[in-house]
Protein backbone atom coordinates (compact mmCIF):
# COMPACT_ATOMS: atom_id res chain seq x y z
CA MET A 1 -116.60 -154.06 -246.10
CA ASN A 2 -118.54 -151.38 -247.92
CA GLN A 3 -116.31 -149.18 -250.08
CA TYR A 4 -119.01 -146.54 -250.63
CA PRO A 5 -120.78 -145.80 -247.33
CA GLY A 6 -123.73 -143.47 -247.44
CA VAL A 7 -127.34 -142.86 -246.51
CA ILE A 8 -130.29 -144.27 -248.43
CA GLY A 9 -133.25 -141.92 -248.36
CA ARG A 10 -135.10 -139.03 -249.94
CA LYS A 11 -133.67 -135.52 -250.09
CA LEU A 12 -135.95 -133.04 -248.32
CA GLY A 13 -133.90 -129.91 -248.84
CA MET A 14 -130.91 -127.93 -247.71
CA THR A 15 -130.05 -126.10 -244.49
CA GLN A 16 -127.00 -124.47 -242.96
CA ILE A 17 -125.07 -124.84 -239.73
CA PHE A 18 -123.06 -122.05 -238.17
CA ALA A 19 -119.69 -123.09 -236.72
CA GLU A 20 -118.24 -121.51 -233.59
CA ASP A 21 -115.85 -119.37 -235.64
CA GLY A 22 -118.78 -117.94 -237.65
CA THR A 23 -118.36 -119.92 -240.85
CA VAL A 24 -121.44 -121.33 -242.53
CA VAL A 25 -121.51 -125.02 -243.52
CA PRO A 26 -124.18 -126.13 -246.04
CA CYS A 27 -125.97 -129.41 -245.16
CA THR A 28 -128.42 -131.66 -246.95
CA VAL A 29 -131.52 -132.83 -245.08
CA VAL A 30 -132.33 -136.50 -245.84
CA GLU A 31 -135.32 -138.55 -244.70
CA SER A 32 -134.13 -142.12 -244.24
CA ASN A 33 -136.76 -144.79 -243.68
CA ALA A 34 -134.80 -147.77 -245.00
CA ILE A 35 -135.91 -151.22 -243.81
CA VAL A 36 -134.60 -154.71 -244.45
CA ILE A 37 -137.10 -156.52 -246.68
CA GLY A 38 -135.11 -159.65 -247.47
CA LYS A 39 -132.10 -161.70 -246.51
CA ARG A 40 -129.93 -163.99 -248.60
CA THR A 41 -127.89 -166.68 -246.84
CA LYS A 42 -124.82 -168.56 -247.93
CA GLU A 43 -126.51 -171.94 -247.28
CA LYS A 44 -129.54 -171.21 -249.48
CA ASP A 45 -128.32 -168.69 -252.06
CA GLY A 46 -124.54 -169.08 -252.09
CA TYR A 47 -123.81 -165.61 -250.68
CA ASP A 48 -124.77 -163.40 -247.74
CA ALA A 49 -126.71 -160.19 -248.42
CA LEU A 50 -129.51 -157.98 -247.15
CA ILE A 51 -132.16 -156.52 -249.46
CA VAL A 52 -133.00 -153.00 -248.33
CA GLY A 53 -136.18 -151.13 -249.23
CA THR A 54 -137.25 -147.53 -248.77
CA GLY A 55 -140.65 -145.88 -249.09
CA GLU A 56 -143.98 -147.61 -249.47
CA LEU A 57 -145.55 -148.75 -252.72
CA LYS A 58 -149.22 -148.91 -253.60
CA GLU A 59 -150.57 -152.42 -254.04
CA LYS A 60 -151.11 -151.89 -257.77
CA HIS A 61 -147.42 -150.98 -258.23
CA THR A 62 -146.16 -154.04 -256.36
CA SER A 63 -145.31 -157.21 -258.27
CA LYS A 64 -146.63 -160.54 -256.99
CA ALA A 65 -143.10 -161.69 -256.13
CA ALA A 66 -142.41 -158.53 -254.11
CA ALA A 67 -145.76 -158.86 -252.34
CA ARG A 68 -144.93 -162.46 -251.31
CA CYS A 69 -141.53 -161.34 -250.05
CA ALA A 70 -143.08 -158.49 -248.04
CA SER A 71 -145.78 -160.74 -246.55
CA SER A 72 -143.22 -163.31 -245.41
CA ALA A 73 -141.07 -160.56 -243.87
CA ALA A 74 -144.07 -158.95 -242.13
CA ALA A 75 -143.05 -155.62 -243.68
CA PRO A 76 -145.07 -153.23 -245.84
CA SER A 77 -144.51 -153.35 -249.60
CA SER A 78 -141.57 -151.07 -250.21
CA ARG A 79 -139.39 -150.07 -253.10
CA PRO A 80 -136.35 -152.38 -253.21
CA VAL A 81 -133.15 -150.38 -253.29
CA THR A 82 -130.06 -152.55 -253.21
CA LYS A 83 -128.41 -155.69 -251.96
CA SER A 84 -125.79 -154.79 -249.40
CA GLY A 85 -123.32 -156.74 -247.35
CA ARG A 86 -122.62 -159.28 -250.06
CA SER A 87 -119.63 -161.46 -249.35
C-alpha cells in the first residue's frame, strides 16, 4: 500500500474555488499524462512494480535502453518517473 499517494504531473498554475458559504479555496491545476512504460514481475525480477513515465522525450535525449523499453511497450519515449507498487 502506498504511504504517500499523490498525482504525478506538471503544474500548470493556480485557481480558486468558491464554496457555498462564500469562502475561497486555493487549488493547484496539474496536467497528468502519466503512462505505464514498464512492468517488473516477481518471477523475472524478484519483485512486482510498475515503471511510470510522464511527458515525451526527443529521440536525441532518449538512451538506447529506454528506447528499447518504449518500443517493446508500444509507448512513446517518455521520461521515467518512479517505480510504484513494489512489494
